[in-house]
Amino acid sequence: MKCPYCGGELNRVTDSRPIEETNAIRRRRICESCGRRFTTYETVETIPLTVIKKDQNREPYNRGKLQNGILRACYKRPVALEKVVELVDAIEAELYRFDCKEVSSQKIGDLVMQKLKDLDGVAYVRFASVYREFQDVGTFMDELKKFMG
């Protein structure tokens, strides 16, 4: 690790603390050459994940896109942002447990629906209406009946 101030390569760690929200470690370091302190963050390097869309196009997995979709479903609902972040973390953990480099958008959508069902019923139905592309009220009602029963 090079010092950001002098470029020296000799430094030592003075403090390490886990950052639970991001699954990272924060390290305070001191440069042996110039004596200045700096902070580094260590995270686990994950396998790049590719999403296979419905039209068979492929695109890199984007956590922000997943989180925004869930936030839209939870709009004006009593769901804390921390709960949404936990939900996204849980979905990502499950995706990486599959141990494959490609995953279908359908699999991601199914995971989101499964998790939203437990978090908030209205958010679940909102997400389902977009994800399942309901064509009429009948299919919407069928999904509601499944959720209620």
C-alpha atoms as a PDB file:
ATOM      1  CA  MET A   1       0.000   0.000   0.000  1.00  0.00           C
ATOM      2  CA  LYS A   2       1.577   3.298  -1.081  1.00  0.00           C
ATOM      3  CA  CYS A   3       1.255   6.420   1.031  1.00  0.00           C
ATOM      4  CA  PRO A   4      -1.047   8.918  -0.738  1.00  0.00           C
ATOM      5  CA  TYR A   5       1.157  11.808   0.479  1.00  0.00           C
ATOM      6  CA  CYS A   6       4.767  10.789  -0.198  1.00  0.00           C
ATOM      7  CA  GLY A   7       4.387   7.564  -2.210  1.00  0.00           C
ATOM      8  CA  GLY A   8       6.350   5.574   0.366  1.00  0.00           C
ATOM      9  CA  GLU A   9       5.666   1.858   0.433  1.00  0.00           C
ATOM     10  CA  LEU A  10       6.455   1.211   4.091  1.00  0.00           C
ATOM     11  CA  ASN A  11       3.499   1.723   6.410  1.00  0.00           C
ATOM     12  CA  ARG A  12       1.862  -0.020   9.308  1.00  0.00           C
ATOM     13  CA  VAL A  13      -1.723  -0.581  10.380  1.00  0.00           C
ATOM     14  CA  THR A  14      -2.619   1.206  13.621  1.00  0.00           C
ATOM     15  CA  ASP A  15      -6.318   0.261  13.791  1.00  0.00           C
ATOM     16  CA  SER A  16      -8.714  -2.122  11.999  1.00  0.00           C
ATOM     17  CA  ARG A  17     -12.500  -2.058  12.316  1.00  0.00           C
ATOM     18  CA  PRO A  18     -15.176  -3.983  10.445  1.00  0.00           C
ATOM     19  CA  ILE A  19     -17.859  -1.963   8.674  1.00  0.00           C
ATOM     20  CA  GLU A  20     -20.915  -4.167   9.024  1.00  0.00           C
ATOM     21  CA  GLU A  21     -23.169  -2.413   6.492  1.00  0.00           C
ATOM     22  CA  THR A  22     -20.752  -2.832   3.610  1.00  0.00           C
ATOM     23  CA  ASN A  23     -18.957  -6.020   4.636  1.00  0.00           C
ATOM     24  CA  ALA A  24     -15.632  -4.163   4.543  1.00  0.00           C
ATOM     25  CA  ILE A  25     -12.731  -3.452   6.903  1.00  0.00           C
ATOM     26  CA  ARG A  26     -11.537   0.079   7.638  1.00  0.00           C
ATOM     27  CA  ARG A  27      -7.809   0.321   8.357  1.00  0.00           C
ATOM     28  CA  ARG A  28      -5.957   3.324   9.768  1.00  0.00           C
ATOM     29  CA  ARG A  29      -2.352   3.369   8.610  1.00  0.00           C
ATOM     30  CA  ILE A  30       0.731   5.424   9.350  1.00  0.00           C
ATOM     31  CA  CYS A  31       3.472   5.957   6.780  1.00  0.00           C
ATOM     32  CA  GLU A  32       6.956   5.011   8.001  1.00  0.00           C
ATOM     33  CA  SER A  33       8.566   7.577   5.658  1.00  0.00           C
ATOM     34  CA  CYS A  34       6.606  10.788   6.282  1.00  0.00           C
ATOM     35  CA  GLY A  35       4.667   9.878   9.441  1.00  0.00           C
ATOM     36  CA  ARG A  36       1.283  10.913   8.052  1.00  0.00           C
ATOM     37  CA  ARG A  37      -1.840   8.880   8.680  1.00  0.00           C
ATOM     38  CA  PHE A  38      -4.337   7.673   6.086  1.00  0.00           C
ATOM     39  CA  THR A  39      -7.318   5.325   5.874  1.00  0.00           C
ATOM     40  CA  THR A  40      -7.863   2.375   3.560  1.00  0.00           C
ATOM     41  CA  TYR A  41     -10.869   0.132   3.056  1.00  0.00           C
ATOM     42  CA  GLU A  42     -10.657  -3.566   2.281  1.00  0.00           C
ATOM     43  CA  THR A  43     -13.589  -5.356   0.627  1.00  0.00           C
ATOM     44  CA  VAL A  44     -14.111  -8.831  -0.733  1.00  0.00           C
ATOM     45  CA  GLU A  45     -13.656  -9.004  -4.471  1.00  0.00           C
ATOM     46  CA  THR A  46     -16.659 -10.714  -6.001  1.00  0.00           C
ATOM     47  CA  ILE A  47     -17.050 -12.471  -9.323  1.00  0.00           C
ATOM     48  CA  PRO A  48     -18.421 -10.063 -11.948  1.00  0.00           C
ATOM     49  CA  LEU A  49     -22.037 -11.044 -12.498  1.00  0.00           C
ATOM     50  CA  THR A  50     -23.833 -10.785 -15.840  1.00  0.00           C
ATOM     51  CA  VAL A  51     -27.616 -10.517 -16.077  1.00  0.00           C
ATOM     52  CA  ILE A  52     -29.400 -12.254 -18.957  1.00  0.00           C
ATOM     53  CA  LYS A  53     -32.405 -10.104 -19.849  1.00  0.00           C
ATOM     54  CA  LYS A  54     -35.747 -11.357 -21.222  1.00  0.00           C
ATOM     55  CA  ASP A  55     -34.655 -10.511 -24.780  1.00  0.00           C
ATOM     56  CA  GLN A  56     -31.469 -12.583 -24.194  1.00  0.00           C
ATOM     57  CA  ASN A  57     -29.252  -9.478 -24.119  1.00  0.00           C
ATOM     58  CA  ARG A  58     -26.585  -9.492 -21.456  1.00  0.00           C
ATOM     59  CA  GLU A  59     -25.558  -6.635 -19.214  1.00  0.00           C
ATOM     60  CA  PRO A  60     -23.375  -6.298 -16.119  1.00  0.00           C
ATOM     61  CA  TYR A  61     -25.186  -6.658 -12.800  1.00  0.00           C
ATOM     62  CA  ASN A  62     -26.015  -3.257 -11.334  1.00  0.00           C
ATOM     63  CA  ARG A  63     -26.818  -3.054  -7.623  1.00  0.00           C
ATOM     64  CA  GLY A  64     -28.207   0.467  -8.031  1.00  0.00           C
ATOM     65  CA  LYS A  65     -30.723  -0.685 -10.605  1.00  0.00           C
ATOM     66  CA  LEU A  66     -31.967  -3.433  -8.285  1.00  0.00           C
ATOM     67  CA  GLN A  67     -32.166  -1.072  -5.320  1.00  0.00           C
ATOM     68  CA  ASN A  68     -34.036   1.597  -7.317  1.00  0.00           C
ATOM     69  CA  GLY A  69     -36.618  -0.943  -8.479  1.00  0.00           C
ATOM     70  CA  ILE A  70     -37.257  -2.009  -4.895  1.00  0.00           C
ATOM     71  CA  LEU A  71     -37.386   1.616  -3.719  1.00  0.00           C
ATOM     72  CA  ARG A  72     -40.002   2.382  -6.397  1.00  0.00           C
ATOM     73  CA  ALA A  73     -42.118  -0.521  -5.157  1.00  0.00           C
ATOM     74  CA  CYS A  74     -41.789   0.759  -1.568  1.00  0.00           C
ATOM     75  CA  TYR A  75     -42.630   4.374  -2.462  1.00  0.00           C
ATOM     76  CA  LYS A  76     -44.751   5.986   0.292  1.00  0.00           C
ATOM     77  CA  ARG A  77     -44.744   2.764   2.289  1.00  0.00           C
ATOM     78  CA  PRO A  78     -43.531   2.433   5.894  1.00  0.00           C
ATOM     79  CA  VAL A  79     -40.328   0.672   4.832  1.00  0.00           C
ATOM     80  CA  ALA A  80     -37.046   2.091   6.132  1.00  0.00           C
ATOM     81  CA  LEU A  81     -34.161   2.577   3.704  1.00  0.00           C
ATOM     82  CA  GLU A  82     -32.064   0.301   5.919  1.00  0.00           C
ATOM     83  CA  LYS A  83     -34.556  -2.509   5.312  1.00  0.00           C
ATOM     84  CA  VAL A  84     -34.266  -1.993   1.542  1.00  0.00           C
ATOM     85  CA  VAL A  85     -30.464  -2.091   1.757  1.00  0.00           C
ATOM     86  CA  GLU A  86     -30.666  -5.288   3.855  1.00  0.00           C
ATOM     87  CA  LEU A  87     -33.022  -6.785   1.269  1.00  0.00           C
ATOM     88  CA  VAL A  88     -30.615  -5.949  -1.578  1.00  0.00           C
ATOM     89  CA  ASP A  89     -27.707  -7.396   0.443  1.00  0.00           C
ATOM     90  CA  ALA A  90     -29.669 -10.615   1.026  1.00  0.00           C
ATOM     91  CA  ILE A  91     -30.541 -10.918  -2.672  1.00  0.00           C
ATOM     92  CA  GLU A  92     -26.919 -10.301  -3.691  1.00  0.00           C
ATOM     93  CA  ALA A  93     -25.669 -12.873  -1.189  1.00  0.00           C
ATOM     94  CA  GLU A  94     -28.057 -15.425  -2.651  1.00  0.00           C
ATOM     95  CA  LEU A  95     -27.002 -14.583  -6.217  1.00  0.00           C
ATOM     96  CA  TYR A  96     -23.328 -15.075  -5.355  1.00  0.00           C
ATOM     97  CA  ARG A  97     -24.132 -18.362  -3.595  1.00  0.00           C
ATOM     98  CA  PHE A  98     -25.289 -19.747  -6.960  1.00  0.00           C
ATOM     99  CA  ASP A  99     -21.596 -19.593  -7.915  1.00  0.00           C
ATOM    100  CA  CYS A 100     -22.205 -18.799 -11.571  1.00  0.00           C
ATOM    101  CA  LYS A 101     -21.163 -15.848 -13.679  1.00  0.00           C
ATOM    102  CA  GLU A 102     -24.541 -15.368 -15.395  1.00  0.00           C
ATOM    103  CA  VAL A 103     -28.003 -15.129 -13.883  1.00  0.00           C
ATOM    104  CA  SER A 104     -31.345 -14.489 -15.557  1.00  0.00           C
ATOM    105  CA  SER A 105     -33.311 -11.346 -14.772  1.00  0.00           C
ATOM    106  CA  GLN A 106     -36.224 -13.711 -14.082  1.00  0.00           C
ATOM    107  CA  LYS A 107     -34.289 -15.350 -11.232  1.00  0.00           C
ATOM    108  CA  ILE A 108     -33.477 -11.929  -9.760  1.00  0.00           C
ATOM    109  CA  GLY A 109     -37.115 -10.851 -10.079  1.00  0.00           C
ATOM    110  CA  ASP A 110     -38.305 -14.041  -8.376  1.00  0.00           C
ATOM    111  CA  LEU A 111     -35.887 -13.451  -5.492  1.00  0.00           C
ATOM    112  CA  VAL A 112     -37.083  -9.858  -5.126  1.00  0.00           C
ATOM    113  CA  MET A 113     -40.724 -10.936  -5.083  1.00  0.00           C
ATOM    114  CA  GLN A 114     -40.012 -13.652  -2.525  1.00  0.00           C
ATOM    115  CA  LYS A 115     -38.255 -11.172  -0.204  1.00  0.00           C
ATOM    116  CA  LEU A 116     -40.758  -8.323  -0.740  1.00  0.00           C
ATOM    117  CA  LYS A 117     -43.644 -10.620   0.131  1.00  0.00           C
ATOM    118  CA  ASP A 118     -42.278 -10.860   3.680  1.00  0.00           C
ATOM    119  CA  LEU A 119     -41.320  -7.180   3.909  1.00  0.00           C
ATOM    120  CA  ASP A 120     -44.432  -5.343   2.657  1.00  0.00           C
ATOM    121  CA  GLY A 121     -47.506  -6.683   0.871  1.00  0.00           C
ATOM    122  CA  VAL A 122     -48.266  -3.509  -1.079  1.00  0.00           C
ATOM    123  CA  ALA A 123     -44.660  -3.221  -2.284  1.00  0.00           C
ATOM    124  CA  TYR A 124     -44.858  -6.883  -3.321  1.00  0.00           C
ATOM    125  CA  VAL A 125     -47.988  -6.278  -5.434  1.00  0.00           C
ATOM    126  CA  ARG A 126     -46.509  -3.128  -6.967  1.00  0.00           C
ATOM    127  CA  PHE A 127     -43.323  -4.933  -7.936  1.00  0.00           C
ATOM    128  CA  ALA A 128     -45.277  -7.926  -9.237  1.00  0.00           C
ATOM    129  CA  SER A 129     -47.451  -5.709 -11.438  1.00  0.00           C
ATOM    130  CA  VAL A 130     -44.378  -4.343 -13.229  1.00  0.00           C
ATOM    131  CA  TYR A 131     -42.306  -7.536 -13.157  1.00  0.00           C
ATOM    132  CA  ARG A 132     -45.077  -9.849 -14.343  1.00  0.00           C
ATOM    133  CA  GLU A 133     -46.370  -7.256 -16.851  1.00  0.00           C
ATOM    134  CA  PHE A 134     -50.049  -7.662 -15.994  1.00  0.00           C
ATOM    135  CA  GLN A 135     -52.142  -7.109 -19.109  1.00  0.00           C
ATOM    136  CA  ASP A 136     -55.513  -6.708 -17.398  1.00  0.00           C
ATOM    137  CA  VAL A 137     -57.236  -6.510 -14.031  1.00  0.00           C
ATOM    138  CA  GLY A 138     -57.981 -10.255 -14.068  1.00  0.00           C
ATOM    139  CA  THR A 139     -54.313 -11.275 -13.957  1.00  0.00           C
ATOM    140  CA  PHE A 140     -53.708  -8.616 -11.313  1.00  0.00           C
ATOM    141  CA  MET A 141     -56.533 -10.065  -9.200  1.00  0.00           C
ATOM    142  CA  ASP A 142     -55.144 -13.588  -9.656  1.00  0.00           C
ATOM    143  CA  GLU A 143     -51.827 -12.456  -8.203  1.00  0.00           C
ATOM    144  CA  LEU A 144     -53.619 -10.756  -5.310  1.00  0.00           C
ATOM    145  CA  LYS A 145     -55.539 -13.955  -4.579  1.00  0.00           C
ATOM    146  CA  LYS A 146     -52.269 -15.910  -4.515  1.00  0.00           C
ATOM    147  CA  PHE A 147     -50.824 -13.382  -2.105  1.00  0.00           C
ATOM    148  CA  MET A 148     -53.926 -13.389   0.134  1.00  0.00           C
ATOM    149  CA  GLY A 149     -54.331 -17.171   0.121  1.00  0.00           C
END
